[in-house]
Amino acid sequence: GFLMSIRQTDEFKIKNIIENPNEIPRLQLENIRLNRSIEVSGKILEAQYGVNDHFLLFTTEDCPFEEALHIYYLSPQLEVLDALELSAMYTGGMLGDLAVDNGNAIRFSFFEKDESWTLKVLPKPEYAFFNHRHPVKRKMPFYRKSWLKLDK
């Protein structure tokens, strides 16, 4: 079968943080190796991974009392193939304990220190209509197939 290999990378650097009142902050990120930029939600680039020739980015909004975690899966050309948000009204969060699991998944905690979330990148995208419930929000249109699977 097709093997996903997730590894940490440092190709993305913050170029600019765009902050407007009453809007989610945006990060302009540049991929140094590709010399290409992308704009994503968030203010802090928490983690970045290469998945074969694709990328996974984890960003947060730096809002401790109502934090949101944004996860982006990007093509080699930095197109957004899939995107998830983990957040709940009036709920704090702090991304912690990030670890690559078996090379094909990432484990982390967010709302509580002792919880564990597992993010898998699927070898091919699947329809996942019932996959994501509160507090996981999928940012893509529902008719698009999902590459990312996030379970607690």
C-alpha atoms as a PDB file:
ATOM      1  CA  GLY A   1       0.000   0.000   0.000  1.00  0.00           C
ATOM      2  CA  PHE A   2       0.890   3.657  -0.270  1.00  0.00           C
ATOM      3  CA  LEU A   3       2.930   4.748   2.709  1.00  0.00           C
ATOM      4  CA  MET A   4       2.400   8.134   4.294  1.00  0.00           C
ATOM      5  CA  SER A   5       5.467   9.450   5.980  1.00  0.00           C
ATOM      6  CA  ILE A   6       5.020  12.426   8.287  1.00  0.00           C
ATOM      7  CA  ARG A   7       8.093  14.320   9.421  1.00  0.00           C
ATOM      8  CA  GLN A   8       8.747  17.697  10.943  1.00  0.00           C
ATOM      9  CA  THR A   9       9.928  20.409   8.601  1.00  0.00           C
ATOM     10  CA  ASP A  10      10.965  24.045   8.924  1.00  0.00           C
ATOM     11  CA  GLU A  11      10.332  25.209   5.374  1.00  0.00           C
ATOM     12  CA  PHE A  12       7.599  27.656   6.376  1.00  0.00           C
ATOM     13  CA  LYS A  13       8.458  31.040   7.839  1.00  0.00           C
ATOM     14  CA  ILE A  14       6.061  33.760   8.986  1.00  0.00           C
ATOM     15  CA  LYS A  15       6.104  36.642   6.539  1.00  0.00           C
ATOM     16  CA  ASN A  16       3.298  38.701   8.031  1.00  0.00           C
ATOM     17  CA  ILE A  17       0.506  38.582  10.615  1.00  0.00           C
ATOM     18  CA  ILE A  18      -2.690  40.262   9.461  1.00  0.00           C
ATOM     19  CA  GLU A  19      -4.904  41.439  12.311  1.00  0.00           C
ATOM     20  CA  ASN A  20      -8.189  43.277  11.899  1.00  0.00           C
ATOM     21  CA  PRO A  21     -10.793  43.988  14.569  1.00  0.00           C
ATOM     22  CA  ASN A  22     -13.493  41.291  14.830  1.00  0.00           C
ATOM     23  CA  GLU A  23     -11.700  39.049  12.364  1.00  0.00           C
ATOM     24  CA  ILE A  24      -9.751  35.880  12.840  1.00  0.00           C
ATOM     25  CA  PRO A  25      -6.039  36.740  12.572  1.00  0.00           C
ATOM     26  CA  ARG A  26      -4.334  35.539   9.386  1.00  0.00           C
ATOM     27  CA  LEU A  27      -0.810  34.332   8.861  1.00  0.00           C
ATOM     28  CA  GLN A  28       1.096  34.910   5.670  1.00  0.00           C
ATOM     29  CA  LEU A  29       3.561  32.059   5.435  1.00  0.00           C
ATOM     30  CA  GLU A  30       6.362  31.653   2.976  1.00  0.00           C
ATOM     31  CA  ASN A  31       7.784  28.302   2.018  1.00  0.00           C
ATOM     32  CA  ILE A  32      11.483  29.115   1.705  1.00  0.00           C
ATOM     33  CA  ARG A  33      12.363  26.105  -0.434  1.00  0.00           C
ATOM     34  CA  LEU A  34       9.516  26.615  -2.918  1.00  0.00           C
ATOM     35  CA  ASN A  35       9.637  30.403  -2.732  1.00  0.00           C
ATOM     36  CA  ARG A  36       5.829  30.427  -2.535  1.00  0.00           C
ATOM     37  CA  SER A  37       3.483  31.998  -0.008  1.00  0.00           C
ATOM     38  CA  ILE A  38       0.126  31.049   1.444  1.00  0.00           C
ATOM     39  CA  GLU A  39      -2.355  32.743   3.780  1.00  0.00           C
ATOM     40  CA  VAL A  40      -4.017  30.736   6.552  1.00  0.00           C
ATOM     41  CA  SER A  41      -6.089  31.443   9.664  1.00  0.00           C
ATOM     42  CA  GLY A  42      -4.163  31.930  12.884  1.00  0.00           C
ATOM     43  CA  LYS A  43      -1.482  34.006  14.497  1.00  0.00           C
ATOM     44  CA  ILE A  44       1.034  31.425  15.702  1.00  0.00           C
ATOM     45  CA  LEU A  45       2.570  28.716  13.532  1.00  0.00           C
ATOM     46  CA  GLU A  46       2.613  25.939  16.106  1.00  0.00           C
ATOM     47  CA  ALA A  47       3.966  23.089  14.003  1.00  0.00           C
ATOM     48  CA  GLN A  48       4.715  22.147  10.420  1.00  0.00           C
ATOM     49  CA  TYR A  49       5.195  18.755   8.836  1.00  0.00           C
ATOM     50  CA  GLY A  50       6.015  17.303   5.459  1.00  0.00           C
ATOM     51  CA  VAL A  51       3.796  14.407   4.410  1.00  0.00           C
ATOM     52  CA  ASN A  52       5.623  12.861   1.487  1.00  0.00           C
ATOM     53  CA  ASP A  53       5.619  15.915  -0.840  1.00  0.00           C
ATOM     54  CA  HIS A  54       2.587  17.491   0.886  1.00  0.00           C
ATOM     55  CA  PHE A  55       2.454  19.638   4.027  1.00  0.00           C
ATOM     56  CA  LEU A  56       0.542  19.832   7.290  1.00  0.00           C
ATOM     57  CA  LEU A  57       0.367  23.107   9.202  1.00  0.00           C
ATOM     58  CA  PHE A  58      -0.927  23.660  12.746  1.00  0.00           C
ATOM     59  CA  THR A  59      -1.771  27.238  13.718  1.00  0.00           C
ATOM     60  CA  THR A  60      -3.509  28.854  16.695  1.00  0.00           C
ATOM     61  CA  GLU A  61      -5.052  32.289  17.160  1.00  0.00           C
ATOM     62  CA  ASP A  62      -3.217  33.221  20.379  1.00  0.00           C
ATOM     63  CA  CYS A  63      -6.463  33.728  22.253  1.00  0.00           C
ATOM     64  CA  PRO A  64      -6.077  31.627  25.409  1.00  0.00           C
ATOM     65  CA  PHE A  65      -9.654  31.983  26.679  1.00  0.00           C
ATOM     66  CA  GLU A  66     -11.282  30.924  23.409  1.00  0.00           C
ATOM     67  CA  GLU A  67      -8.528  29.261  21.469  1.00  0.00           C
ATOM     68  CA  ALA A  68      -8.901  27.686  18.038  1.00  0.00           C
ATOM     69  CA  LEU A  69      -6.550  25.217  16.430  1.00  0.00           C
ATOM     70  CA  HIS A  70      -6.409  25.287  12.630  1.00  0.00           C
ATOM     71  CA  ILE A  71      -4.978  22.349  10.706  1.00  0.00           C
ATOM     72  CA  TYR A  72      -4.202  22.653   7.001  1.00  0.00           C
ATOM     73  CA  TYR A  73      -3.237  19.953   4.536  1.00  0.00           C
ATOM     74  CA  LEU A  74      -1.466  21.446   1.521  1.00  0.00           C
ATOM     75  CA  SER A  75      -0.506  20.157  -1.893  1.00  0.00           C
ATOM     76  CA  PRO A  76       3.113  20.412  -3.104  1.00  0.00           C
ATOM     77  CA  GLN A  77       2.007  23.698  -4.770  1.00  0.00           C
ATOM     78  CA  LEU A  78       0.572  24.936  -1.434  1.00  0.00           C
ATOM     79  CA  GLU A  79      -3.072  24.580  -2.413  1.00  0.00           C
ATOM     80  CA  VAL A  80      -5.330  23.837   0.544  1.00  0.00           C
ATOM     81  CA  LEU A  81      -6.595  20.281   0.048  1.00  0.00           C
ATOM     82  CA  ASP A  82      -8.258  19.980   3.431  1.00  0.00           C
ATOM     83  CA  ALA A  83      -8.614  22.064   6.572  1.00  0.00           C
ATOM     84  CA  LEU A  84      -9.996  21.454  10.044  1.00  0.00           C
ATOM     85  CA  GLU A  85     -10.633  23.657  13.026  1.00  0.00           C
ATOM     86  CA  LEU A  86     -10.770  22.512  16.633  1.00  0.00           C
ATOM     87  CA  SER A  87     -12.541  25.036  18.870  1.00  0.00           C
ATOM     88  CA  ALA A  88     -15.448  25.501  21.252  1.00  0.00           C
ATOM     89  CA  MET A  89     -17.193  28.660  22.426  1.00  0.00           C
ATOM     90  CA  TYR A  90     -15.618  30.209  25.529  1.00  0.00           C
ATOM     91  CA  THR A  91     -13.215  27.302  25.831  1.00  0.00           C
ATOM     92  CA  GLY A  92      -9.524  27.734  26.309  1.00  0.00           C
ATOM     93  CA  GLY A  93      -7.049  25.505  24.588  1.00  0.00           C
ATOM     94  CA  MET A  94      -3.342  24.984  24.343  1.00  0.00           C
ATOM     95  CA  LEU A  95      -1.688  22.731  21.821  1.00  0.00           C
ATOM     96  CA  GLY A  96       0.584  20.259  23.575  1.00  0.00           C
ATOM     97  CA  ASP A  97       2.275  16.854  23.468  1.00  0.00           C
ATOM     98  CA  LEU A  98       2.616  16.867  19.675  1.00  0.00           C
ATOM     99  CA  ALA A  99       4.103  13.582  18.522  1.00  0.00           C
ATOM    100  CA  VAL A 100       4.298  11.744  15.224  1.00  0.00           C
ATOM    101  CA  ASP A 101       2.817   8.293  15.712  1.00  0.00           C
ATOM    102  CA  ASN A 102       4.080   5.428  13.507  1.00  0.00           C
ATOM    103  CA  GLY A 103       5.032   7.968  10.849  1.00  0.00           C
ATOM    104  CA  ASN A 104       1.442   8.243   9.600  1.00  0.00           C
ATOM    105  CA  ALA A 105      -0.459  10.078  12.342  1.00  0.00           C
ATOM    106  CA  ILE A 106       0.044  12.960  14.744  1.00  0.00           C
ATOM    107  CA  ARG A 107      -1.076  12.841  18.349  1.00  0.00           C
ATOM    108  CA  PHE A 108      -1.654  15.936  20.451  1.00  0.00           C
ATOM    109  CA  SER A 109      -3.644  17.416  23.320  1.00  0.00           C
ATOM    110  CA  PHE A 110      -5.594  20.650  23.058  1.00  0.00           C
ATOM    111  CA  PHE A 111      -8.484  21.421  25.428  1.00  0.00           C
ATOM    112  CA  GLU A 112      -7.232  19.301  28.337  1.00  0.00           C
ATOM    113  CA  LYS A 113      -3.711  18.163  29.128  1.00  0.00           C
ATOM    114  CA  ASP A 114      -4.745  14.531  29.572  1.00  0.00           C
ATOM    115  CA  GLU A 115      -6.797  14.130  26.391  1.00  0.00           C
ATOM    116  CA  SER A 116      -5.370  12.737  23.219  1.00  0.00           C
ATOM    117  CA  TRP A 117      -6.369  13.593  19.660  1.00  0.00           C
ATOM    118  CA  THR A 118      -5.106  11.622  16.679  1.00  0.00           C
ATOM    119  CA  LEU A 119      -4.865  13.221  13.258  1.00  0.00           C
ATOM    120  CA  LYS A 120      -4.461  10.840  10.336  1.00  0.00           C
ATOM    121  CA  VAL A 121      -3.721  11.769   6.758  1.00  0.00           C
ATOM    122  CA  LEU A 122      -5.568   9.348   4.500  1.00  0.00           C
ATOM    123  CA  PRO A 123      -3.687   7.875   1.520  1.00  0.00           C
ATOM    124  CA  LYS A 124      -6.621   8.946  -0.646  1.00  0.00           C
ATOM    125  CA  PRO A 125      -9.470  11.296   0.190  1.00  0.00           C
ATOM    126  CA  GLU A 126     -12.799   9.895   1.332  1.00  0.00           C
ATOM    127  CA  TYR A 127     -16.275  11.286   1.805  1.00  0.00           C
ATOM    128  CA  ALA A 128     -16.638  11.922   5.500  1.00  0.00           C
ATOM    129  CA  PHE A 129     -20.079  13.352   6.048  1.00  0.00           C
ATOM    130  CA  PHE A 130     -20.450  12.123   9.613  1.00  0.00           C
ATOM    131  CA  ASN A 131     -16.824  12.179  10.490  1.00  0.00           C
ATOM    132  CA  HIS A 132     -16.640  15.492  12.240  1.00  0.00           C
ATOM    133  CA  ARG A 133     -18.765  16.625  15.120  1.00  0.00           C
ATOM    134  CA  HIS A 134     -18.341  19.391  17.625  1.00  0.00           C
ATOM    135  CA  PRO A 135     -15.688  20.535  18.546  1.00  0.00           C
ATOM    136  CA  VAL A 136     -14.138  19.549  15.190  1.00  0.00           C
ATOM    137  CA  LYS A 137     -15.202  21.756  12.291  1.00  0.00           C
ATOM    138  CA  ARG A 138     -14.351  21.060   8.705  1.00  0.00           C
ATOM    139  CA  LYS A 139     -13.606  24.177   6.716  1.00  0.00           C
ATOM    140  CA  MET A 140     -14.080  22.679   3.295  1.00  0.00           C
ATOM    141  CA  PRO A 141     -17.420  22.367   1.462  1.00  0.00           C
ATOM    142  CA  PHE A 142     -19.104  19.147   2.564  1.00  0.00           C
ATOM    143  CA  TYR A 143     -19.134  17.643  -0.942  1.00  0.00           C
ATOM    144  CA  ARG A 144     -15.343  17.737  -1.036  1.00  0.00           C
ATOM    145  CA  LYS A 145     -13.630  14.555   0.065  1.00  0.00           C
ATOM    146  CA  SER A 146     -11.548  14.635   3.260  1.00  0.00           C
ATOM    147  CA  TRP A 147      -7.865  13.864   3.521  1.00  0.00           C
ATOM    148  CA  LEU A 148      -7.736  14.475   7.253  1.00  0.00           C
ATOM    149  CA  LYS A 149      -9.325  12.344   9.949  1.00  0.00           C
ATOM    150  CA  LEU A 150      -9.305  13.690  13.488  1.00  0.00           C
ATOM    151  CA  ASP A 151     -10.393  11.434  16.335  1.00  0.00           C
ATOM    152  CA  LYS A 152     -10.247  11.632  20.072  1.00  0.00           C
END
